[in-house]
């Protein structure tokens, strides 16, 4: 990836596996990253994410629990079109219901109003949740997927970020 990149962990740690994105970026933060890459735990602060994106990023990588019907712990790499589905009447500022689509819709509204540009590329590293009911902690399958998701993000960031992983894989 070239240009500035924001890796955003999103989710609610009080809803079980919905905290996947938060946990994955926490672990990712322990790795050396290329220049121009920022890793931020946004949790449920989607409005903050939308406003931070106004600072100008070429690529956005969202890390989140993503229910798509697979087995719990299944990882997905999704290339989003970067435009959320705007609700009728425009983007709504509701800090408690800022899904990635709502964040992208709000970002589109903010960019139009400020003359800035949204990220050129938006990727989602998603994990199939087992349970998103009240409770703290990830289920076994989702917790096991966190290191794999970190590897996936590092490989997306390029050889400079993934090289320490290759060295670790060779160590007996």
N, C-alpha and C. Protein backbone atom coordinates (compact mmCIF):
# COMPACT_ATOMS: atom_id res chain seq x y z
N UNK A 1 0.85 -1.18 0.00
CA UNK A 1 0.00 0.00 0.00
C UNK A 1 0.89 1.24 0.00
N UNK A 2 0.45 2.24 -0.71
CA UNK A 2 1.20 3.49 -0.73
C UNK A 2 0.35 4.58 -0.10
N UNK A 3 0.98 5.66 0.32
CA UNK A 3 0.25 6.75 0.94
C UNK A 3 -0.06 6.46 2.38
N UNK A 4 -0.79 7.36 2.99
CA UNK A 4 -1.18 7.19 4.40
C UNK A 4 -2.27 6.14 4.52
N UNK A 5 -2.12 5.30 5.55
CA UNK A 5 -3.07 4.23 5.80
C UNK A 5 -3.54 4.30 7.24
N UNK A 6 -4.84 4.17 7.43
CA UNK A 6 -5.42 4.09 8.76
C UNK A 6 -6.00 2.69 8.94
N UNK A 7 -5.54 1.99 9.97
CA UNK A 7 -6.11 0.70 10.35
C UNK A 7 -6.96 0.98 11.58
N UNK A 8 -8.26 0.77 11.45
CA UNK A 8 -9.22 1.15 12.48
C UNK A 8 -9.89 -0.09 13.07
N UNK A 9 -9.67 -0.30 14.35
CA UNK A 9 -10.38 -1.37 15.06
C UNK A 9 -11.69 -0.82 15.56
N UNK A 10 -12.78 -1.50 15.21
CA UNK A 10 -14.09 -1.03 15.65
C UNK A 10 -14.86 -2.18 16.29
N UNK A 11 -15.75 -1.84 17.19
CA UNK A 11 -16.56 -2.85 17.86
C UNK A 11 -16.78 -2.51 19.32
N UNK A 12 -17.67 -3.25 19.93
CA UNK A 12 -18.05 -3.02 21.32
C UNK A 12 -17.54 -4.18 22.18
N UNK A 13 -16.57 -3.89 23.05
CA UNK A 13 -15.97 -4.94 23.89
C UNK A 13 -16.94 -5.50 24.91
N UNK A 14 -18.09 -4.86 25.12
CA UNK A 14 -19.09 -5.35 26.06
C UNK A 14 -20.11 -6.27 25.39
N UNK A 15 -19.90 -6.56 24.10
CA UNK A 15 -20.81 -7.46 23.38
C UNK A 15 -20.04 -8.64 22.79
N UNK A 16 -19.27 -9.32 23.63
CA UNK A 16 -18.57 -10.54 23.23
C UNK A 16 -17.72 -10.38 22.00
N UNK A 17 -18.02 -11.14 20.96
CA UNK A 17 -17.20 -11.16 19.75
C UNK A 17 -17.24 -9.86 18.96
N UNK A 18 -18.15 -8.95 19.29
CA UNK A 18 -18.15 -7.65 18.62
C UNK A 18 -16.87 -6.88 18.95
N UNK A 19 -16.15 -7.29 19.99
CA UNK A 19 -14.89 -6.66 20.35
C UNK A 19 -13.70 -7.16 19.54
N UNK A 20 -13.94 -7.98 18.52
CA UNK A 20 -12.86 -8.54 17.70
C UNK A 20 -11.93 -7.47 17.13
N UNK A 21 -12.48 -6.43 16.54
CA UNK A 21 -11.66 -5.39 15.91
C UNK A 21 -10.78 -4.67 16.91
N UNK A 22 -11.32 -4.41 18.09
CA UNK A 22 -10.57 -3.75 19.15
C UNK A 22 -9.40 -4.63 19.58
N UNK A 23 -9.66 -5.90 19.80
CA UNK A 23 -8.60 -6.83 20.23
C UNK A 23 -7.55 -7.01 19.15
N UNK A 24 -7.97 -7.11 17.91
CA UNK A 24 -7.02 -7.32 16.81
C UNK A 24 -6.08 -6.12 16.66
N UNK A 25 -6.59 -4.89 16.74
CA UNK A 25 -5.69 -3.73 16.59
C UNK A 25 -4.82 -3.55 17.82
N UNK A 26 -5.29 -3.99 18.98
CA UNK A 26 -4.45 -3.95 20.17
C UNK A 26 -3.22 -4.82 19.95
N UNK A 27 -3.45 -6.03 19.42
CA UNK A 27 -2.34 -6.93 19.14
C UNK A 27 -1.48 -6.40 17.98
N UNK A 28 -2.10 -5.84 16.97
CA UNK A 28 -1.37 -5.30 15.83
C UNK A 28 -0.44 -4.16 16.26
N UNK A 29 -0.86 -3.38 17.24
CA UNK A 29 -0.07 -2.24 17.70
C UNK A 29 1.29 -2.65 18.26
N UNK A 30 1.45 -3.91 18.63
CA UNK A 30 2.72 -4.39 19.17
C UNK A 30 3.76 -4.66 18.08
N UNK A 31 3.35 -4.61 16.82
CA UNK A 31 4.24 -4.90 15.69
C UNK A 31 4.81 -3.61 15.11
N UNK A 32 6.05 -3.68 14.59
CA UNK A 32 6.56 -2.50 13.87
C UNK A 32 5.76 -2.32 12.58
N UNK A 33 5.47 -1.07 12.26
CA UNK A 33 4.65 -0.77 11.09
C UNK A 33 5.39 0.19 10.18
N UNK A 34 5.10 0.14 8.89
CA UNK A 34 5.74 1.07 7.95
C UNK A 34 5.36 2.52 8.25
N UNK A 35 6.20 3.43 7.79
CA UNK A 35 5.88 4.85 7.90
C UNK A 35 4.57 5.13 7.19
N UNK A 36 3.79 6.02 7.74
CA UNK A 36 2.53 6.40 7.12
C UNK A 36 1.35 5.54 7.52
N UNK A 37 1.59 4.55 8.41
CA UNK A 37 0.50 3.67 8.87
C UNK A 37 0.16 4.03 10.31
N UNK A 38 -1.11 4.28 10.55
CA UNK A 38 -1.62 4.53 11.90
C UNK A 38 -2.59 3.42 12.25
N UNK A 39 -2.50 2.93 13.48
CA UNK A 39 -3.41 1.91 13.99
C UNK A 39 -4.13 2.53 15.18
N UNK A 40 -5.47 2.56 15.11
CA UNK A 40 -6.25 3.23 16.15
C UNK A 40 -7.43 2.34 16.55
N UNK A 41 -7.63 2.20 17.87
CA UNK A 41 -8.79 1.53 18.42
C UNK A 41 -9.91 2.57 18.53
N UNK A 42 -10.89 2.49 17.65
CA UNK A 42 -12.02 3.43 17.70
C UNK A 42 -13.17 2.87 18.52
N UNK A 43 -13.18 1.57 18.77
CA UNK A 43 -14.28 0.99 19.53
C UNK A 43 -15.61 1.34 18.91
N UNK A 44 -16.46 2.00 19.69
CA UNK A 44 -17.80 2.38 19.20
C UNK A 44 -17.86 3.85 18.81
N UNK A 45 -16.71 4.48 18.66
CA UNK A 45 -16.67 5.92 18.35
C UNK A 45 -16.61 6.15 16.84
N UNK A 46 -17.63 5.73 16.14
CA UNK A 46 -17.66 5.86 14.69
C UNK A 46 -17.60 7.29 14.20
N UNK A 47 -18.18 8.21 14.95
CA UNK A 47 -18.14 9.62 14.54
C UNK A 47 -16.70 10.11 14.55
N UNK A 48 -15.92 9.70 15.56
CA UNK A 48 -14.51 10.09 15.63
C UNK A 48 -13.74 9.53 14.43
N UNK A 49 -14.06 8.30 14.05
CA UNK A 49 -13.42 7.70 12.88
C UNK A 49 -13.71 8.53 11.64
N UNK A 50 -14.95 8.91 11.43
CA UNK A 50 -15.30 9.70 10.24
C UNK A 50 -14.53 11.02 10.22
N UNK A 51 -14.45 11.68 11.37
CA UNK A 51 -13.73 12.95 11.40
C UNK A 51 -12.22 12.75 11.21
N UNK A 52 -11.65 11.67 11.76
CA UNK A 52 -10.22 11.44 11.56
C UNK A 52 -9.91 11.20 10.09
N UNK A 53 -10.81 10.56 9.38
CA UNK A 53 -10.59 10.29 7.96
C UNK A 53 -10.50 11.58 7.13
N UNK A 54 -11.01 12.68 7.66
CA UNK A 54 -10.90 13.96 6.96
C UNK A 54 -9.45 14.44 6.91
N UNK A 55 -8.58 13.85 7.73
CA UNK A 55 -7.15 14.23 7.73
C UNK A 55 -6.42 13.75 6.49
N UNK A 56 -7.07 12.94 5.67
CA UNK A 56 -6.48 12.53 4.40
C UNK A 56 -5.71 11.23 4.46
N UNK A 57 -6.37 10.15 4.14
CA UNK A 57 -5.75 8.82 4.07
C UNK A 57 -6.00 8.25 2.69
N UNK A 58 -5.02 7.55 2.18
CA UNK A 58 -5.16 6.88 0.89
C UNK A 58 -5.94 5.58 1.05
N UNK A 59 -5.68 4.90 2.18
CA UNK A 59 -6.30 3.59 2.41
C UNK A 59 -6.86 3.52 3.83
N UNK A 60 -8.03 2.95 3.96
CA UNK A 60 -8.66 2.66 5.24
C UNK A 60 -8.82 1.15 5.35
N UNK A 61 -8.33 0.58 6.44
CA UNK A 61 -8.54 -0.84 6.73
C UNK A 61 -9.37 -0.90 8.00
N UNK A 62 -10.62 -1.34 7.87
CA UNK A 62 -11.49 -1.53 9.03
C UNK A 62 -11.34 -2.96 9.52
N UNK A 63 -11.19 -3.14 10.82
CA UNK A 63 -11.09 -4.47 11.42
C UNK A 63 -12.30 -4.60 12.33
N UNK A 64 -13.17 -5.58 12.05
CA UNK A 64 -14.46 -5.63 12.72
C UNK A 64 -15.03 -7.04 12.69
N UNK A 65 -15.94 -7.31 13.61
CA UNK A 65 -16.74 -8.53 13.53
C UNK A 65 -17.69 -8.36 12.35
N UNK A 66 -17.80 -9.40 11.53
CA UNK A 66 -18.57 -9.30 10.29
C UNK A 66 -19.36 -10.58 10.08
N UNK A 67 -20.64 -10.54 10.36
CA UNK A 67 -21.49 -11.72 10.20
C UNK A 67 -21.86 -11.90 8.74
N UNK A 68 -21.37 -12.99 8.15
CA UNK A 68 -21.66 -13.28 6.74
C UNK A 68 -22.14 -14.72 6.55
N UNK A 69 -22.35 -15.44 7.65
CA UNK A 69 -22.91 -16.78 7.55
C UNK A 69 -21.90 -17.91 7.62
N UNK A 70 -20.63 -17.61 7.80
CA UNK A 70 -19.60 -18.64 7.88
C UNK A 70 -19.49 -19.20 9.29
N UNK A 71 -18.55 -20.10 9.46
CA UNK A 71 -18.29 -20.66 10.78
C UNK A 71 -17.64 -19.60 11.65
N UNK A 72 -17.95 -19.56 12.96
CA UNK A 72 -17.31 -18.59 13.84
C UNK A 72 -15.78 -18.67 13.72
N UNK A 73 -15.16 -17.48 13.64
CA UNK A 73 -13.71 -17.40 13.50
C UNK A 73 -13.25 -17.30 12.07
N UNK A 74 -14.15 -17.48 11.10
CA UNK A 74 -13.79 -17.34 9.69
C UNK A 74 -13.43 -15.89 9.41
N UNK A 75 -12.29 -15.69 8.75
CA UNK A 75 -11.86 -14.35 8.39
C UNK A 75 -12.27 -14.02 6.96
N UNK A 76 -12.62 -12.76 6.75
CA UNK A 76 -13.01 -12.27 5.43
C UNK A 76 -12.17 -11.05 5.09
N UNK A 77 -11.78 -10.93 3.85
CA UNK A 77 -11.18 -9.70 3.34
C UNK A 77 -12.14 -9.16 2.30
N UNK A 78 -12.68 -8.00 2.58
CA UNK A 78 -13.71 -7.41 1.74
C UNK A 78 -13.21 -6.06 1.24
N UNK A 79 -13.29 -5.84 -0.06
CA UNK A 79 -12.97 -4.53 -0.60
C UNK A 79 -14.28 -3.77 -0.73
N UNK A 80 -14.42 -2.73 0.07
CA UNK A 80 -15.64 -1.93 0.06
C UNK A 80 -15.52 -0.87 -1.02
N UNK A 81 -16.64 -0.37 -1.47
CA UNK A 81 -16.59 0.67 -2.50
C UNK A 81 -16.32 2.04 -1.88
N UNK A 82 -16.23 2.09 -0.54
CA UNK A 82 -15.91 3.35 0.12
C UNK A 82 -17.09 4.27 0.33
N UNK A 83 -18.25 3.86 -0.13
CA UNK A 83 -19.44 4.69 0.04
C UNK A 83 -20.45 3.89 0.86
N UNK A 84 -20.78 4.37 2.01
CA UNK A 84 -21.82 3.74 2.79
C UNK A 84 -23.18 4.07 2.20
N UNK A 85 -24.15 3.27 2.54
CA UNK A 85 -25.50 3.54 2.09
C UNK A 85 -26.07 4.66 2.95
N UNK A 86 -26.25 5.81 2.38
CA UNK A 86 -26.77 6.95 3.14
C UNK A 86 -28.25 6.74 3.42
N UNK A 87 -28.65 6.94 4.66
CA UNK A 87 -30.08 6.81 4.96
C UNK A 87 -30.86 7.94 4.30
N UNK A 88 -32.16 7.71 4.14
CA UNK A 88 -33.02 8.75 3.55
C UNK A 88 -32.87 10.02 4.38
N UNK A 89 -32.66 11.13 3.72
CA UNK A 89 -32.50 12.40 4.42
C UNK A 89 -31.06 12.70 4.79
N UNK A 90 -30.12 11.85 4.36
CA UNK A 90 -28.70 12.11 4.64
C UNK A 90 -28.19 11.32 5.82
N UNK A 91 -26.89 11.48 6.11
CA UNK A 91 -26.26 10.77 7.21
C UNK A 91 -26.80 11.28 8.54
N UNK A 92 -26.99 10.35 9.46
CA UNK A 92 -27.52 10.69 10.77
C UNK A 92 -26.42 10.50 11.81
N UNK A 93 -26.21 11.52 12.65
CA UNK A 93 -25.22 11.42 13.71
C UNK A 93 -25.86 10.75 14.92
N UNK A 94 -25.61 9.47 15.08
CA UNK A 94 -26.08 8.71 16.24
C UNK A 94 -24.91 7.89 16.73
N UNK A 95 -24.24 8.37 17.76
CA UNK A 95 -23.03 7.74 18.26
C UNK A 95 -23.21 6.30 18.72
N UNK A 96 -24.45 5.86 18.92
CA UNK A 96 -24.67 4.50 19.38
C UNK A 96 -24.94 3.52 18.24
N UNK A 97 -25.12 4.01 17.03
CA UNK A 97 -25.44 3.14 15.90
C UNK A 97 -24.60 3.49 14.68
N UNK A 98 -23.31 3.60 14.86
CA UNK A 98 -22.42 3.98 13.75
C UNK A 98 -21.74 2.74 13.19
N UNK A 99 -22.46 1.99 12.39
CA UNK A 99 -21.88 0.84 11.70
C UNK A 99 -20.88 1.34 10.67
N UNK A 100 -20.02 0.45 10.15
CA UNK A 100 -19.10 0.92 9.10
C UNK A 100 -19.80 1.60 7.93
N UNK A 101 -20.96 1.09 7.51
CA UNK A 101 -21.70 1.75 6.42
C UNK A 101 -22.13 3.16 6.81
N UNK A 102 -22.59 3.32 8.06
CA UNK A 102 -23.01 4.64 8.52
C UNK A 102 -21.82 5.59 8.58
N UNK A 103 -20.66 5.08 9.02
CA UNK A 103 -19.44 5.91 9.08
C UNK A 103 -19.07 6.38 7.68
N UNK A 104 -19.10 5.47 6.71
CA UNK A 104 -18.74 5.84 5.34
C UNK A 104 -19.75 6.82 4.75
N UNK A 105 -21.03 6.65 5.08
CA UNK A 105 -22.04 7.60 4.59
C UNK A 105 -21.81 8.98 5.21
N UNK A 106 -21.51 9.01 6.51
CA UNK A 106 -21.21 10.28 7.17
C UNK A 106 -19.96 10.90 6.56
N UNK A 107 -18.95 10.08 6.30
CA UNK A 107 -17.72 10.58 5.70
C UNK A 107 -18.01 11.24 4.35
N UNK A 108 -18.86 10.61 3.55
CA UNK A 108 -19.21 11.19 2.26
C UNK A 108 -19.85 12.56 2.42
N UNK A 109 -20.72 12.68 3.40
CA UNK A 109 -21.37 13.96 3.68
C UNK A 109 -20.34 15.00 4.14
N UNK A 110 -19.44 14.58 5.05
CA UNK A 110 -18.42 15.50 5.57
C UNK A 110 -17.46 15.94 4.47
N UNK A 111 -17.06 15.00 3.62
CA UNK A 111 -16.13 15.34 2.52
C UNK A 111 -16.77 16.34 1.57
N UNK A 112 -18.04 16.12 1.25
CA UNK A 112 -18.73 17.05 0.34
C UNK A 112 -18.79 18.44 0.95
N UNK A 113 -18.97 18.51 2.26
CA UNK A 113 -19.08 19.80 2.92
C UNK A 113 -17.74 20.50 3.15
N UNK A 114 -16.66 19.73 3.17
CA UNK A 114 -15.35 20.33 3.47
C UNK A 114 -14.42 20.38 2.27
N UNK A 115 -14.80 19.74 1.17
CA UNK A 115 -13.96 19.73 -0.02
C UNK A 115 -12.80 18.75 0.09
N UNK A 116 -12.84 17.85 1.05
CA UNK A 116 -11.78 16.84 1.19
C UNK A 116 -12.19 15.58 0.44
N UNK A 117 -11.27 14.62 0.37
CA UNK A 117 -11.55 13.37 -0.33
C UNK A 117 -11.52 12.20 0.63
N UNK A 118 -12.41 11.25 0.44
CA UNK A 118 -12.38 10.04 1.28
C UNK A 118 -11.20 9.16 0.86
N UNK A 119 -10.88 8.13 1.66
CA UNK A 119 -9.81 7.22 1.25
C UNK A 119 -10.10 6.63 -0.14
N UNK A 120 -9.04 6.47 -0.92
CA UNK A 120 -9.17 5.90 -2.26
C UNK A 120 -9.60 4.44 -2.19
N UNK A 121 -9.14 3.76 -1.14
CA UNK A 121 -9.41 2.32 -1.03
C UNK A 121 -9.85 2.02 0.40
N UNK A 122 -10.91 1.23 0.53
CA UNK A 122 -11.40 0.80 1.85
C UNK A 122 -11.48 -0.72 1.86
N UNK A 123 -10.78 -1.31 2.82
CA UNK A 123 -10.78 -2.76 3.00
C UNK A 123 -11.36 -3.09 4.37
N UNK A 124 -12.02 -4.22 4.47
CA UNK A 124 -12.53 -4.70 5.75
C UNK A 124 -11.91 -6.06 6.01
N UNK A 125 -11.24 -6.18 7.16
CA UNK A 125 -10.79 -7.48 7.64
C UNK A 125 -11.82 -7.86 8.69
N UNK A 126 -12.68 -8.78 8.32
CA UNK A 126 -13.80 -9.15 9.18
C UNK A 126 -13.66 -10.55 9.71
N UNK A 127 -14.29 -10.79 10.85
CA UNK A 127 -14.28 -12.12 11.46
C UNK A 127 -15.71 -12.50 11.80
N UNK A 128 -16.08 -13.70 11.43
CA UNK A 128 -17.42 -14.21 11.74
C UNK A 128 -17.55 -14.41 13.25
N UNK A 129 -18.50 -13.71 13.89
CA UNK A 129 -18.67 -13.86 15.33
C UNK A 129 -19.45 -15.12 15.69
N UNK A 130 -19.23 -15.60 16.91
CA UNK A 130 -20.04 -16.69 17.44
C UNK A 130 -21.17 -16.12 18.29
N UNK A 131 -20.85 -15.06 19.05
CA UNK A 131 -21.83 -14.50 19.97
C UNK A 131 -21.58 -13.00 20.14
N UNK A 132 -22.62 -12.20 19.94
CA UNK A 132 -22.51 -10.75 20.15
C UNK A 132 -23.52 -10.29 21.19
N UNK A 133 -23.73 -11.14 22.19
CA UNK A 133 -24.60 -10.77 23.31
C UNK A 133 -23.76 -10.14 24.41
N UNK A 134 -24.42 -9.54 25.40
CA UNK A 134 -23.70 -8.89 26.49
C UNK A 134 -22.71 -9.85 27.13
N UNK A 135 -21.51 -9.36 27.32
CA UNK A 135 -20.46 -10.14 27.96
C UNK A 135 -19.11 -9.67 27.45
N UNK A 136 -18.11 -9.78 28.30
CA UNK A 136 -16.78 -9.34 27.95
C UNK A 136 -15.93 -10.55 27.59
N UNK A 137 -15.20 -10.44 26.50
CA UNK A 137 -14.30 -11.51 26.08
C UNK A 137 -14.77 -12.15 24.79
N UNK A 138 -13.79 -12.58 24.00
CA UNK A 138 -14.08 -13.22 22.73
C UNK A 138 -14.31 -14.71 22.92
N UNK A 139 -15.14 -15.29 22.07
CA UNK A 139 -15.32 -16.75 22.07
C UNK A 139 -14.02 -17.40 21.61
N UNK A 140 -13.89 -18.69 21.85
CA UNK A 140 -12.68 -19.42 21.46
C UNK A 140 -12.32 -19.28 19.99
N UNK A 141 -13.26 -19.54 19.07
CA UNK A 141 -12.91 -19.44 17.65
C UNK A 141 -12.51 -18.04 17.21
N UNK A 142 -13.15 -17.03 17.77
CA UNK A 142 -12.83 -15.65 17.38
C UNK A 142 -11.50 -15.23 17.99
N UNK A 143 -11.24 -15.61 19.24
CA UNK A 143 -9.94 -15.31 19.85
C UNK A 143 -8.81 -15.97 19.06
N UNK A 144 -9.04 -17.19 18.59
CA UNK A 144 -8.02 -17.89 17.80
C UNK A 144 -7.78 -17.22 16.45
N UNK A 145 -8.76 -16.48 15.95
CA UNK A 145 -8.62 -15.81 14.65
C UNK A 145 -7.86 -14.48 14.75
N UNK A 146 -7.70 -13.94 15.96
CA UNK A 146 -7.03 -12.63 16.11
C UNK A 146 -5.62 -12.65 15.54
N UNK A 147 -4.74 -13.61 15.90
CA UNK A 147 -3.39 -13.60 15.32
C UNK A 147 -3.39 -13.74 13.80
N UNK A 148 -4.34 -14.51 13.27
CA UNK A 148 -4.44 -14.66 11.81
C UNK A 148 -4.85 -13.33 11.18
N UNK A 149 -5.75 -12.61 11.83
CA UNK A 149 -6.17 -11.31 11.31
C UNK A 149 -5.02 -10.31 11.33
N UNK A 150 -4.21 -10.36 12.39
CA UNK A 150 -3.04 -9.49 12.48
C UNK A 150 -2.10 -9.79 11.32
N UNK A 151 -1.86 -11.06 11.05
CA UNK A 151 -1.00 -11.44 9.92
C UNK A 151 -1.59 -10.93 8.61
N UNK A 152 -2.90 -11.06 8.46
CA UNK A 152 -3.56 -10.60 7.23
C UNK A 152 -3.34 -9.10 7.04
N UNK A 153 -3.52 -8.32 8.10
CA UNK A 153 -3.34 -6.86 7.99
C UNK A 153 -1.88 -6.54 7.68
N UNK A 154 -0.95 -7.20 8.36
CA UNK A 154 0.47 -6.93 8.10
C UNK A 154 0.83 -7.25 6.65
N UNK A 155 0.28 -8.33 6.11
CA UNK A 155 0.56 -8.67 4.71
C UNK A 155 -0.06 -7.64 3.77
N UNK A 156 -1.24 -7.10 4.13
CA UNK A 156 -1.85 -6.04 3.33
C UNK A 156 -0.99 -4.78 3.32
N UNK A 157 -0.34 -4.51 4.45
CA UNK A 157 0.49 -3.32 4.57
C UNK A 157 1.78 -3.42 3.79
N UNK A 158 2.14 -4.62 3.36
CA UNK A 158 3.29 -4.78 2.49
C UNK A 158 4.44 -5.53 3.13
N UNK A 159 5.47 -5.79 2.33
CA UNK A 159 6.59 -6.61 2.77
C UNK A 159 7.33 -6.04 3.98
N UNK A 160 7.40 -4.71 4.08
CA UNK A 160 8.10 -4.09 5.20
C UNK A 160 7.43 -4.47 6.52
N UNK A 161 6.11 -4.51 6.55
CA UNK A 161 5.39 -4.85 7.78
C UNK A 161 5.39 -6.35 8.03
N UNK A 162 5.31 -7.14 6.97
CA UNK A 162 5.18 -8.59 7.12
C UNK A 162 6.53 -9.28 7.31
N UNK A 163 7.65 -8.61 7.05
CA UNK A 163 8.94 -9.30 7.14
C UNK A 163 9.23 -9.88 8.51
N UNK A 164 8.89 -9.22 9.64
CA UNK A 164 9.12 -9.87 10.93
C UNK A 164 8.33 -11.16 11.07
N UNK A 165 7.15 -11.23 10.45
CA UNK A 165 6.36 -12.46 10.50
C UNK A 165 7.06 -13.59 9.76
N UNK A 166 7.64 -13.30 8.63
CA UNK A 166 8.35 -14.33 7.88
C UNK A 166 9.52 -14.88 8.70
N UNK A 167 10.21 -13.99 9.40
CA UNK A 167 11.32 -14.45 10.25
C UNK A 167 10.80 -15.32 11.37
N UNK A 168 9.67 -14.96 11.97
CA UNK A 168 9.12 -15.78 13.04
C UNK A 168 8.67 -17.14 12.54
N UNK A 169 8.14 -17.21 11.34
CA UNK A 169 7.67 -18.49 10.79
C UNK A 169 8.83 -19.45 10.58
N UNK A 170 10.03 -18.93 10.30
CA UNK A 170 11.18 -19.79 10.06
C UNK A 170 11.80 -20.30 11.35
N UNK A 171 11.51 -19.65 12.47
CA UNK A 171 12.10 -20.05 13.75
C UNK A 171 11.45 -21.33 14.22
N UNK A 172 12.29 -22.35 14.57
CA UNK A 172 11.70 -23.63 15.03
C UNK A 172 10.99 -23.50 16.33
